[in-house]
């Protein structure tokens, strides 16, 4: 499973032979919303199954993510996660071989950050 991040106003643009996508992360109601359009020219499009089991095409970008003080390159699909509880879903590809997931615990990274 690929990781996914909530975004909106996703646009694919072609200009002068170059192609890129723009998007905004999160929603205006989110406390960390910045109303900033992000432009990416290194992207692909992939068919994925959404949380309801339906296939759809999504843009896939590569970016860095920092977890527990370590930074990794990861792929994220751009998705409308407005109705989901969390704006980011970390997939098995990112976690496999790096982390042990204990579903009985939560907010461990946040707690570690506040101790430092």
N, C-alpha and C. Protein backbone atom coordinates (compact mmCIF):
# COMPACT_ATOMS: atom_id res chain seq x y z
N UNK A 1 0.83 -1.17 0.00
CA UNK A 1 0.00 0.00 0.00
C UNK A 1 0.89 1.25 0.00
N UNK A 2 0.54 2.20 -0.86
CA UNK A 2 1.26 3.45 -0.96
C UNK A 2 0.70 4.45 0.04
N UNK A 3 1.53 5.33 0.52
CA UNK A 3 1.09 6.38 1.43
C UNK A 3 0.23 7.38 0.66
N UNK A 4 -0.60 8.10 1.40
CA UNK A 4 -1.53 9.04 0.78
C UNK A 4 -1.60 10.31 1.61
N UNK A 5 -1.76 11.45 0.95
CA UNK A 5 -1.85 12.72 1.66
C UNK A 5 -3.04 13.51 1.12
N UNK A 6 -3.75 14.18 2.03
CA UNK A 6 -4.92 14.95 1.64
C UNK A 6 -4.51 16.26 0.97
N UNK A 7 -5.13 16.53 -0.16
CA UNK A 7 -4.90 17.81 -0.84
C UNK A 7 -6.14 18.16 -1.65
N UNK A 8 -6.15 19.39 -2.13
CA UNK A 8 -7.26 19.85 -2.96
C UNK A 8 -6.72 20.81 -4.01
N UNK A 9 -7.60 21.22 -4.91
CA UNK A 9 -7.24 22.09 -6.03
C UNK A 9 -6.07 21.51 -6.84
N UNK A 10 -6.15 20.22 -7.11
CA UNK A 10 -5.12 19.55 -7.90
C UNK A 10 -5.33 19.89 -9.37
N UNK A 11 -4.27 20.39 -10.02
CA UNK A 11 -4.36 20.76 -11.42
C UNK A 11 -3.13 20.26 -12.17
N UNK A 12 -3.37 19.67 -13.32
CA UNK A 12 -2.27 19.26 -14.21
C UNK A 12 -2.13 20.34 -15.27
N UNK A 13 -0.91 20.86 -15.43
CA UNK A 13 -0.68 22.00 -16.31
C UNK A 13 0.42 21.66 -17.31
N UNK A 14 0.20 22.04 -18.56
CA UNK A 14 1.21 21.90 -19.61
C UNK A 14 1.51 23.29 -20.15
N UNK A 15 2.80 23.66 -20.11
CA UNK A 15 3.22 24.96 -20.65
C UNK A 15 4.57 24.82 -21.31
N UNK A 16 4.67 25.28 -22.54
CA UNK A 16 5.94 25.27 -23.24
C UNK A 16 6.59 23.91 -23.31
N UNK A 17 5.80 22.86 -23.45
CA UNK A 17 6.34 21.50 -23.53
C UNK A 17 6.63 20.87 -22.18
N UNK A 18 6.52 21.65 -21.11
CA UNK A 18 6.74 21.12 -19.76
C UNK A 18 5.39 20.80 -19.11
N UNK A 19 5.42 19.79 -18.26
CA UNK A 19 4.19 19.37 -17.59
C UNK A 19 4.45 19.31 -16.09
N UNK A 20 3.49 19.80 -15.32
CA UNK A 20 3.61 19.75 -13.86
C UNK A 20 2.22 19.74 -13.23
N UNK A 21 2.17 19.47 -11.94
CA UNK A 21 0.91 19.54 -11.21
C UNK A 21 1.06 20.56 -10.09
N UNK A 22 -0.05 21.18 -9.73
CA UNK A 22 -0.10 22.06 -8.57
C UNK A 22 -1.21 21.55 -7.66
N UNK A 23 -1.05 21.78 -6.36
CA UNK A 23 -2.05 21.36 -5.39
C UNK A 23 -1.84 22.12 -4.09
N UNK A 24 -2.86 22.09 -3.24
CA UNK A 24 -2.77 22.68 -1.91
C UNK A 24 -3.00 21.57 -0.89
N UNK A 25 -2.15 21.55 0.13
CA UNK A 25 -2.26 20.55 1.19
C UNK A 25 -3.28 20.96 2.23
N UNK A 26 -3.95 19.98 2.79
CA UNK A 26 -4.92 20.15 3.87
C UNK A 26 -6.11 20.99 3.42
N UNK A 27 -6.97 21.36 4.35
CA UNK A 27 -8.14 22.18 4.09
C UNK A 27 -8.03 23.48 4.88
N UNK A 28 -8.72 24.52 4.44
CA UNK A 28 -8.66 25.79 5.17
C UNK A 28 -9.04 25.68 6.64
N UNK A 29 -9.84 24.70 7.00
CA UNK A 29 -10.24 24.53 8.41
C UNK A 29 -9.16 23.89 9.27
N UNK A 30 -8.12 23.31 8.64
CA UNK A 30 -7.05 22.64 9.40
C UNK A 30 -6.13 23.70 10.02
N UNK A 31 -5.71 23.51 11.29
CA UNK A 31 -4.87 24.51 11.96
C UNK A 31 -3.52 24.76 11.29
N UNK A 32 -3.02 23.81 10.50
CA UNK A 32 -1.72 23.99 9.84
C UNK A 32 -1.85 24.35 8.36
N UNK A 33 -3.04 24.70 7.93
CA UNK A 33 -3.28 25.08 6.53
C UNK A 33 -2.55 26.38 6.21
N UNK A 34 -1.87 26.42 5.06
CA UNK A 34 -1.08 27.59 4.69
C UNK A 34 -1.56 28.26 3.39
N UNK A 35 -2.57 27.72 2.73
CA UNK A 35 -3.10 28.27 1.48
C UNK A 35 -1.99 28.50 0.45
N UNK A 36 -1.04 27.58 0.40
CA UNK A 36 0.10 27.70 -0.51
C UNK A 36 -0.01 26.62 -1.58
N UNK A 37 0.05 27.04 -2.84
CA UNK A 37 0.04 26.07 -3.94
C UNK A 37 1.44 25.48 -4.09
N UNK A 38 1.50 24.18 -4.15
CA UNK A 38 2.76 23.46 -4.32
C UNK A 38 2.84 23.01 -5.76
N UNK A 39 4.01 23.18 -6.37
CA UNK A 39 4.22 22.80 -7.77
C UNK A 39 5.23 21.67 -7.83
N UNK A 40 4.88 20.60 -8.56
CA UNK A 40 5.75 19.44 -8.69
C UNK A 40 5.82 19.04 -10.15
N UNK A 41 7.06 18.89 -10.66
CA UNK A 41 7.19 18.44 -12.05
C UNK A 41 7.64 16.99 -12.15
N UNK A 42 7.99 16.38 -11.03
CA UNK A 42 8.37 14.97 -10.99
C UNK A 42 7.22 14.18 -10.38
N UNK A 43 6.32 13.70 -11.24
CA UNK A 43 5.14 12.98 -10.77
C UNK A 43 4.78 11.89 -11.77
N UNK A 44 3.99 10.95 -11.31
CA UNK A 44 3.43 9.92 -12.18
C UNK A 44 1.94 9.83 -11.89
N UNK A 45 1.25 9.03 -12.66
CA UNK A 45 -0.16 8.76 -12.41
C UNK A 45 -0.32 7.25 -12.31
N UNK A 46 -1.06 6.82 -11.30
CA UNK A 46 -1.17 5.38 -11.04
C UNK A 46 -2.61 5.03 -10.67
N UNK A 47 -3.00 3.84 -11.06
CA UNK A 47 -4.31 3.32 -10.68
C UNK A 47 -4.19 2.69 -9.30
N UNK A 48 -5.01 3.16 -8.35
CA UNK A 48 -4.97 2.64 -6.98
C UNK A 48 -6.40 2.34 -6.53
N UNK A 49 -6.50 1.53 -5.49
CA UNK A 49 -7.81 1.28 -4.88
C UNK A 49 -7.97 2.23 -3.71
N UNK A 50 -9.10 2.92 -3.67
CA UNK A 50 -9.35 3.84 -2.57
C UNK A 50 -9.84 3.06 -1.34
N UNK A 51 -10.14 3.79 -0.28
CA UNK A 51 -10.54 3.13 0.98
C UNK A 51 -11.87 2.40 0.87
N UNK A 52 -12.62 2.64 -0.20
CA UNK A 52 -13.89 1.96 -0.41
C UNK A 52 -13.74 0.78 -1.36
N UNK A 53 -12.49 0.50 -1.78
CA UNK A 53 -12.22 -0.63 -2.67
C UNK A 53 -12.43 -0.34 -4.14
N UNK A 54 -12.69 0.91 -4.50
CA UNK A 54 -12.91 1.28 -5.90
C UNK A 54 -11.58 1.74 -6.51
N UNK A 55 -11.35 1.37 -7.76
CA UNK A 55 -10.13 1.79 -8.45
C UNK A 55 -10.29 3.21 -8.97
N UNK A 56 -9.21 3.99 -8.85
CA UNK A 56 -9.19 5.35 -9.38
C UNK A 56 -7.76 5.72 -9.72
N UNK A 57 -7.61 6.71 -10.58
CA UNK A 57 -6.28 7.19 -10.94
C UNK A 57 -5.92 8.36 -10.04
N UNK A 58 -4.68 8.34 -9.54
CA UNK A 58 -4.19 9.42 -8.69
C UNK A 58 -2.78 9.80 -9.12
N UNK A 59 -2.44 11.05 -8.85
CA UNK A 59 -1.08 11.49 -9.05
C UNK A 59 -0.22 11.00 -7.89
N UNK A 60 1.02 10.62 -8.21
CA UNK A 60 1.95 10.13 -7.21
C UNK A 60 3.18 11.04 -7.24
N UNK A 61 3.57 11.51 -6.05
CA UNK A 61 4.76 12.36 -5.94
C UNK A 61 5.75 11.71 -4.99
N UNK A 62 7.01 12.08 -5.12
CA UNK A 62 8.03 11.63 -4.18
C UNK A 62 8.40 12.82 -3.31
N UNK A 63 8.53 12.57 -2.02
CA UNK A 63 8.91 13.61 -1.08
C UNK A 63 9.62 12.98 0.10
N UNK A 64 10.16 13.81 0.96
CA UNK A 64 10.80 13.31 2.16
C UNK A 64 9.83 13.40 3.32
N UNK A 65 9.90 12.41 4.19
CA UNK A 65 9.08 12.39 5.39
C UNK A 65 10.00 12.07 6.57
N UNK A 66 9.79 12.75 7.68
CA UNK A 66 10.60 12.53 8.88
C UNK A 66 9.75 11.87 9.95
N UNK A 67 10.20 10.71 10.41
CA UNK A 67 9.52 9.97 11.47
C UNK A 67 10.53 9.62 12.54
N UNK A 68 10.25 9.98 13.76
CA UNK A 68 11.12 9.69 14.90
C UNK A 68 12.56 10.16 14.64
N UNK A 69 12.69 11.31 14.03
CA UNK A 69 14.01 11.89 13.80
C UNK A 69 14.77 11.37 12.60
N UNK A 70 14.20 10.42 11.87
CA UNK A 70 14.84 9.88 10.67
C UNK A 70 14.06 10.33 9.43
N UNK A 71 14.78 10.70 8.39
CA UNK A 71 14.16 11.18 7.16
C UNK A 71 14.27 10.12 6.07
N UNK A 72 13.16 9.88 5.38
CA UNK A 72 13.07 8.87 4.33
C UNK A 72 12.44 9.49 3.10
N UNK A 73 12.83 9.01 1.92
CA UNK A 73 12.11 9.38 0.71
C UNK A 73 10.95 8.42 0.57
N UNK A 74 9.79 8.98 0.23
CA UNK A 74 8.59 8.15 0.13
C UNK A 74 7.70 8.65 -1.00
N UNK A 75 6.87 7.75 -1.50
CA UNK A 75 5.87 8.10 -2.50
C UNK A 75 4.54 8.33 -1.80
N UNK A 76 3.84 9.38 -2.22
CA UNK A 76 2.52 9.69 -1.70
C UNK A 76 1.57 9.91 -2.86
N UNK A 77 0.38 9.33 -2.77
CA UNK A 77 -0.65 9.65 -3.74
C UNK A 77 -1.38 10.89 -3.23
N UNK A 78 -1.82 11.72 -4.15
CA UNK A 78 -2.59 12.92 -3.80
C UNK A 78 -4.05 12.51 -3.80
N UNK A 79 -4.71 12.66 -2.65
CA UNK A 79 -6.07 12.15 -2.50
C UNK A 79 -6.95 13.14 -1.76
N UNK A 80 -8.24 13.00 -1.97
CA UNK A 80 -9.22 13.76 -1.19
C UNK A 80 -9.54 12.93 0.04
N UNK A 81 -8.93 13.27 1.16
CA UNK A 81 -9.16 12.55 2.42
C UNK A 81 -9.99 13.39 3.39
N UNK A 82 -10.77 14.31 2.85
CA UNK A 82 -11.55 15.23 3.68
C UNK A 82 -12.47 14.50 4.66
N UNK A 83 -13.03 13.40 4.22
CA UNK A 83 -13.96 12.67 5.09
C UNK A 83 -13.27 11.64 5.99
N UNK A 84 -11.96 11.55 5.87
CA UNK A 84 -11.20 10.60 6.69
C UNK A 84 -10.77 11.27 8.00
N UNK A 85 -10.46 10.47 8.99
CA UNK A 85 -10.07 11.00 10.29
C UNK A 85 -8.71 11.69 10.24
N UNK A 86 -7.77 11.16 9.45
CA UNK A 86 -6.42 11.70 9.39
C UNK A 86 -6.09 12.15 7.97
N UNK A 87 -5.41 13.30 7.82
CA UNK A 87 -5.08 13.79 6.48
C UNK A 87 -3.96 13.01 5.80
N UNK A 88 -3.22 12.19 6.56
CA UNK A 88 -2.12 11.42 5.98
C UNK A 88 -2.29 9.95 6.35
N UNK A 89 -2.07 9.10 5.37
CA UNK A 89 -2.07 7.65 5.59
C UNK A 89 -0.68 7.14 5.22
N UNK A 90 0.00 6.53 6.18
CA UNK A 90 1.32 5.95 5.91
C UNK A 90 1.13 4.51 5.47
N UNK A 91 1.65 4.19 4.30
CA UNK A 91 1.46 2.87 3.73
C UNK A 91 2.51 1.87 4.17
N UNK A 92 2.25 0.62 3.83
CA UNK A 92 3.17 -0.48 4.20
C UNK A 92 4.54 -0.30 3.58
N UNK A 93 4.60 0.23 2.37
CA UNK A 93 5.91 0.41 1.72
C UNK A 93 6.83 1.32 2.51
N UNK A 94 6.28 2.33 3.12
CA UNK A 94 7.08 3.25 3.92
C UNK A 94 7.49 2.62 5.25
N UNK A 95 6.60 1.87 5.86
CA UNK A 95 6.83 1.32 7.20
C UNK A 95 7.63 0.02 7.21
N UNK A 96 7.47 -0.80 6.17
CA UNK A 96 8.05 -2.14 6.14
C UNK A 96 9.58 -2.12 6.30
N UNK A 97 10.06 -2.90 7.26
CA UNK A 97 11.49 -3.03 7.50
C UNK A 97 12.09 -1.88 8.30
N UNK A 98 11.27 -0.88 8.62
CA UNK A 98 11.76 0.27 9.37
C UNK A 98 11.11 0.42 10.74
N UNK A 99 9.84 0.05 10.83
CA UNK A 99 9.08 0.29 12.05
C UNK A 99 8.26 -0.93 12.42
N UNK A 100 8.04 -1.09 13.70
CA UNK A 100 7.12 -2.09 14.22
C UNK A 100 5.88 -1.33 14.66
N UNK A 101 4.73 -1.70 14.14
CA UNK A 101 3.50 -0.98 14.43
C UNK A 101 2.79 -1.67 15.59
N UNK A 102 2.53 -0.93 16.66
CA UNK A 102 1.77 -1.41 17.80
C UNK A 102 0.47 -0.63 17.82
N UNK A 103 -0.63 -1.25 17.38
CA UNK A 103 -1.90 -0.55 17.24
C UNK A 103 -2.53 -0.18 18.58
N UNK A 104 -1.99 -0.70 19.68
CA UNK A 104 -2.53 -0.35 21.00
C UNK A 104 -1.99 0.99 21.50
N UNK A 105 -1.00 1.56 20.80
CA UNK A 105 -0.41 2.83 21.22
C UNK A 105 -0.69 3.90 20.18
N UNK A 106 -0.61 5.16 20.60
CA UNK A 106 -0.85 6.26 19.67
C UNK A 106 -0.03 7.49 20.02
N UNK A 107 0.21 8.34 19.02
CA UNK A 107 0.93 9.60 19.18
C UNK A 107 2.33 9.45 19.77
N UNK A 108 3.03 8.37 19.48
CA UNK A 108 4.36 8.15 20.04
C UNK A 108 5.37 9.19 19.54
N UNK A 109 5.30 9.53 18.27
CA UNK A 109 6.23 10.51 17.72
C UNK A 109 6.00 11.87 18.37
N UNK A 110 4.75 12.25 18.57
CA UNK A 110 4.41 13.52 19.19
C UNK A 110 4.92 13.57 20.64
N UNK A 111 4.74 12.47 21.35
CA UNK A 111 5.20 12.40 22.75
C UNK A 111 6.73 12.49 22.81
N UNK A 112 7.41 11.83 21.87
CA UNK A 112 8.88 11.87 21.84
C UNK A 112 9.36 13.29 21.56
N UNK A 113 8.69 13.97 20.65
CA UNK A 113 9.05 15.34 20.29
C UNK A 113 8.91 16.28 21.49
N UNK A 114 7.86 16.11 22.26
CA UNK A 114 7.63 16.97 23.42
C UNK A 114 8.57 16.70 24.57
N UNK A 115 9.13 15.49 24.65
CA UNK A 115 10.13 15.19 25.69
C UNK A 115 11.44 15.88 25.42
N UNK A 116 11.78 16.04 24.14
CA UNK A 116 13.08 16.62 23.75
C UNK A 116 13.20 18.09 24.08
